[in-house]
C-alpha atoms as a PDB file:
ATOM      1  CA  MET A   1      29.141  -0.691 -23.886  1.00  0.00           C
ATOM      2  CA  LYS A   2      29.417   2.671 -25.590  1.00  0.00           C
ATOM      3  CA  HIS A   3      26.794   3.126 -28.334  1.00  0.00           C
ATOM      4  CA  LEU A   4      27.676   5.616 -31.064  1.00  0.00           C
ATOM      5  CA  VAL A   5      24.568   7.165 -32.579  1.00  0.00           C
ATOM      6  CA  ASN A   6      26.346   9.406 -35.039  1.00  0.00           C
ATOM      7  CA  GLN A   7      27.412   8.364 -38.529  1.00  0.00           C
ATOM      8  CA  THR A   8      30.511  10.510 -38.153  1.00  0.00           C
ATOM      9  CA  ILE A   9      33.021   8.660 -35.997  1.00  0.00           C
ATOM     10  CA  GLY A  10      36.539   9.871 -35.317  1.00  0.00           C
ATOM     11  CA  ILE A  11      39.629   7.939 -34.321  1.00  0.00           C
ATOM     12  CA  GLU A  12      42.717   9.680 -33.013  1.00  0.00           C
ATOM     13  CA  GLN A  13      45.859   7.946 -31.840  1.00  0.00           C
ATOM     14  CA  GLY A  14      49.311   8.763 -30.601  1.00  0.00           C
ATOM     15  CA  ASP A  15      52.588   7.358 -29.313  1.00  0.00           C
ATOM     16  CA  ASP A  16      54.268   9.552 -26.702  1.00  0.00           C
ATOM     17  CA  VAL A  17      57.295   9.272 -24.434  1.00  0.00           C
ATOM     18  CA  LEU A  18      55.820   9.579 -20.960  1.00  0.00           C
ATOM     19  CA  PHE A  19      59.134  10.045 -19.151  1.00  0.00           C
ATOM     20  CA  SER A  20      62.850   9.256 -19.301  1.00  0.00           C
ATOM     21  CA  ASP A  21      64.041   9.368 -15.697  1.00  0.00           C
ATOM     22  CA  TYR A  22      67.278   7.432 -16.242  1.00  0.00           C
ATOM     23  CA  GLU A  23      68.936  10.402 -17.954  1.00  0.00           C
ATOM     24  CA  ASP A  24      68.397  12.871 -15.116  1.00  0.00           C
ATOM     25  CA  GLY A  25      68.053  10.673 -12.020  1.00  0.00           C
ATOM     26  CA  GLY A  26      64.299  11.194 -11.794  1.00  0.00           C
ATOM     27  CA  GLU A  27      61.970   9.701  -9.210  1.00  0.00           C
ATOM     28  CA  MET A  28      60.825   6.710 -11.301  1.00  0.00           C
ATOM     29  CA  TRP A  29      64.453   5.555 -11.583  1.00  0.00           C
ATOM     30  CA  THR A  30      65.779   6.490  -8.142  1.00  0.00           C
ATOM     31  CA  GLY A  31      62.671   6.416  -5.922  1.00  0.00           C
ATOM     32  CA  GLN A  32      61.005   3.746  -3.792  1.00  0.00           C
ATOM     33  CA  GLY A  33      57.403   3.050  -2.909  1.00  0.00           C
ATOM     34  CA  SER A  34      54.318   4.418  -4.656  1.00  0.00           C
ATOM     35  CA  ARG A  35      55.101   6.744  -7.548  1.00  0.00           C
ATOM     36  CA  GLU A  36      52.933   8.250 -10.244  1.00  0.00           C
ATOM     37  CA  ARG A  37      53.484  10.196 -13.437  1.00  0.00           C
ATOM     38  CA  ARG A  38      50.672  12.001 -15.296  1.00  0.00           C
ATOM     39  CA  ARG A  39      50.580  13.684 -18.665  1.00  0.00           C
ATOM     40  CA  LEU A  40      47.751  15.585 -20.309  1.00  0.00           C
ATOM     41  CA  VAL A  41      46.963  14.433 -23.850  1.00  0.00           C
ATOM     42  CA  GLN A  42      44.923  16.919 -25.876  1.00  0.00           C
ATOM     43  CA  PHE A  43      43.082  15.878 -29.010  1.00  0.00           C
ATOM     44  CA  ARG A  44      43.741  17.832 -32.216  1.00  0.00           C
ATOM     45  CA  GLU A  45      40.013  18.573 -32.380  1.00  0.00           C
ATOM     46  CA  PRO A  46      37.378  17.885 -29.751  1.00  0.00           C
ATOM     47  CA  PHE A  47      35.031  14.925 -29.981  1.00  0.00           C
ATOM     48  CA  LYS A  48      31.276  15.534 -29.897  1.00  0.00           C
ATOM     49  CA  ASP A  49      30.971  13.510 -26.663  1.00  0.00           C
ATOM     50  CA  THR A  50      33.420  11.787 -24.332  1.00  0.00           C
ATOM     51  CA  PRO A  51      35.265   9.175 -26.438  1.00  0.00           C
ATOM     52  CA  ALA A  52      36.384   5.695 -25.467  1.00  0.00           C
ATOM     53  CA  VAL A  53      40.152   5.776 -24.786  1.00  0.00           C
ATOM     54  CA  HIS A  54      42.567   2.840 -24.786  1.00  0.00           C
ATOM     55  CA  VAL A  55      46.099   3.233 -23.387  1.00  0.00           C
ATOM     56  CA  SER A  56      48.972   0.727 -23.415  1.00  0.00           C
ATOM     57  CA  LEU A  57      52.714   0.673 -22.906  1.00  0.00           C
ATOM     58  CA  SER A  58      54.555   0.703 -26.232  1.00  0.00           C
ATOM     59  CA  MET A  59      58.023   0.715 -24.642  1.00  0.00           C
ATOM     60  CA  TRP A  60      59.308   0.238 -21.138  1.00  0.00           C
ATOM     61  CA  ASP A  61      62.869   0.179 -19.894  1.00  0.00           C
ATOM     62  CA  MET A  62      63.042  -1.392 -16.431  1.00  0.00           C
ATOM     63  CA  ASP A  63      65.859  -2.404 -14.112  1.00  0.00           C
ATOM     64  CA  SER A  64      66.150  -6.203 -14.154  1.00  0.00           C
ATOM     65  CA  ALA A  65      67.408  -6.364 -10.537  1.00  0.00           C
ATOM     66  CA  ALA A  66      63.970  -5.488  -9.083  1.00  0.00           C
ATOM     67  CA  ASN A  67      60.395  -6.625  -9.592  1.00  0.00           C
ATOM     68  CA  VAL A  68      58.697  -5.146 -12.640  1.00  0.00           C
ATOM     69  CA  ARG A  69      55.487  -3.369 -11.620  1.00  0.00           C
ATOM     70  CA  ALA A  70      53.475  -0.994 -13.785  1.00  0.00           C
ATOM     71  CA  ASP A  71      49.909   0.242 -14.060  1.00  0.00           C
ATOM     72  CA  VAL A  72      48.940   2.494 -16.965  1.00  0.00           C
ATOM     73  CA  GLY A  73      45.545   3.969 -17.788  1.00  0.00           C
ATOM     74  CA  ALA A  74      43.455   6.946 -18.861  1.00  0.00           C
ATOM     75  CA  GLU A  75      41.711   9.221 -16.356  1.00  0.00           C
ATOM     76  CA  ASN A  76      39.705  12.454 -16.547  1.00  0.00           C
ATOM     77  CA  ILE A  77      38.549  11.731 -20.101  1.00  0.00           C
ATOM     78  CA  THR A  78      36.717  14.626 -21.777  1.00  0.00           C
ATOM     79  CA  PRO A  79      35.856  15.463 -25.400  1.00  0.00           C
ATOM     80  CA  LYS A  80      39.056  17.593 -25.471  1.00  0.00           C
ATOM     81  CA  GLY A  81      41.573  15.135 -24.003  1.00  0.00           C
ATOM     82  CA  PHE A  82      42.563  12.933 -21.074  1.00  0.00           C
ATOM     83  CA  ASP A  83      45.271  12.273 -18.497  1.00  0.00           C
ATOM     84  CA  VAL A  84      47.482   9.260 -19.090  1.00  0.00           C
ATOM     85  CA  VAL A  85      48.612   7.900 -15.721  1.00  0.00           C
ATOM     86  CA  PHE A  86      51.588   5.605 -15.072  1.00  0.00           C
ATOM     87  CA  ARG A  87      52.037   4.126 -11.602  1.00  0.00           C
ATOM     88  CA  THR A  88      54.621   1.887 -10.018  1.00  0.00           C
ATOM     89  CA  TRP A  89      55.443   0.853  -6.455  1.00  0.00           C
ATOM     90  CA  GLY A  90      57.868  -1.051  -4.241  1.00  0.00           C
ATOM     91  CA  ASP A  91      61.470  -1.309  -5.411  1.00  0.00           C
ATOM     92  CA  THR A  92      60.659  -1.141  -9.144  1.00  0.00           C
ATOM     93  CA  ARG A  93      63.024   1.106 -11.098  1.00  0.00           C
ATOM     94  CA  VAL A  94      61.696   2.497 -14.363  1.00  0.00           C
ATOM     95  CA  ALA A  95      64.205   4.185 -16.660  1.00  0.00           C
ATOM     96  CA  ARG A  96      61.794   5.120 -19.468  1.00  0.00           C
ATOM     97  CA  ALA A  97      58.223   4.560 -20.570  1.00  0.00           C
ATOM     98  CA  ARG A  98      56.382   5.309 -23.802  1.00  0.00           C
ATOM     99  CA  ILE A  99      52.626   4.961 -24.198  1.00  0.00           C
ATOM    100  CA  ARG A 100      50.414   4.338 -27.199  1.00  0.00           C
ATOM    101  CA  TRP A 101      46.816   5.477 -27.078  1.00  0.00           C
ATOM    102  CA  MET A 102      43.672   5.495 -29.199  1.00  0.00           C
ATOM    103  CA  ALA A 103      40.444   7.478 -28.784  1.00  0.00           C
ATOM    104  CA  ILE A 104      37.250   6.541 -30.634  1.00  0.00           C
ATOM    105  CA  GLY A 105      34.024   8.527 -30.569  1.00  0.00           C
ATOM    106  CA  ALA A 106      31.459  10.659 -32.310  1.00  0.00           C
ATOM    107  CA  ILE A 107      32.806  13.845 -33.895  1.00  0.00           C
ATOM    108  CA  HIS A 108      31.106  17.038 -35.017  1.00  0.00           C
ATOM    109  CA  HIS A 109      29.834  17.244 -38.578  1.00  0.00           C
ATOM    110  CA  ASP A 110      28.797  20.244 -40.700  1.00  0.00           C
ATOM    111  CA  ASP A 111      25.241  18.840 -40.870  1.00  0.00           C
ATOM    112  CA  ASP A 112      24.872  18.902 -37.045  1.00  0.00           C
ATOM    113  CA  TRP A 113      22.585  21.621 -35.800  1.00  0.00           C
ATOM    114  CA  GLU A 114      20.587  22.398 -32.709  1.00  0.00           C
ATOM    115  CA  LEU A 115      17.193  24.059 -32.561  1.00  0.00           C
ATOM    116  CA  TYR A 116      17.702  25.643 -29.152  1.00  0.00           C
END
């Protein structure tokens, strides 16, 4: 469990198209086997410490002729941002994916100060 010891808590969220491979014949639509797509998400202002980040699919467009396989998550989380990672495998064909995310954590406040 993440304990927040600061009275100033920030929440930032977004909804971003991760890829649209159907339009240009990209790897997620035409490929086979293990595939991965990453995108850096940068926060508008940095958190005081590493925030908790939740990521989910808000839209997916998959080929119905193959098994639907998807894994989405956040990696490399820092106070400034994180990598959203989408993975698929086998014969799954993904035309498009959009992700929704939320970061919650302590933020800097004007009353914060350090002695040293």
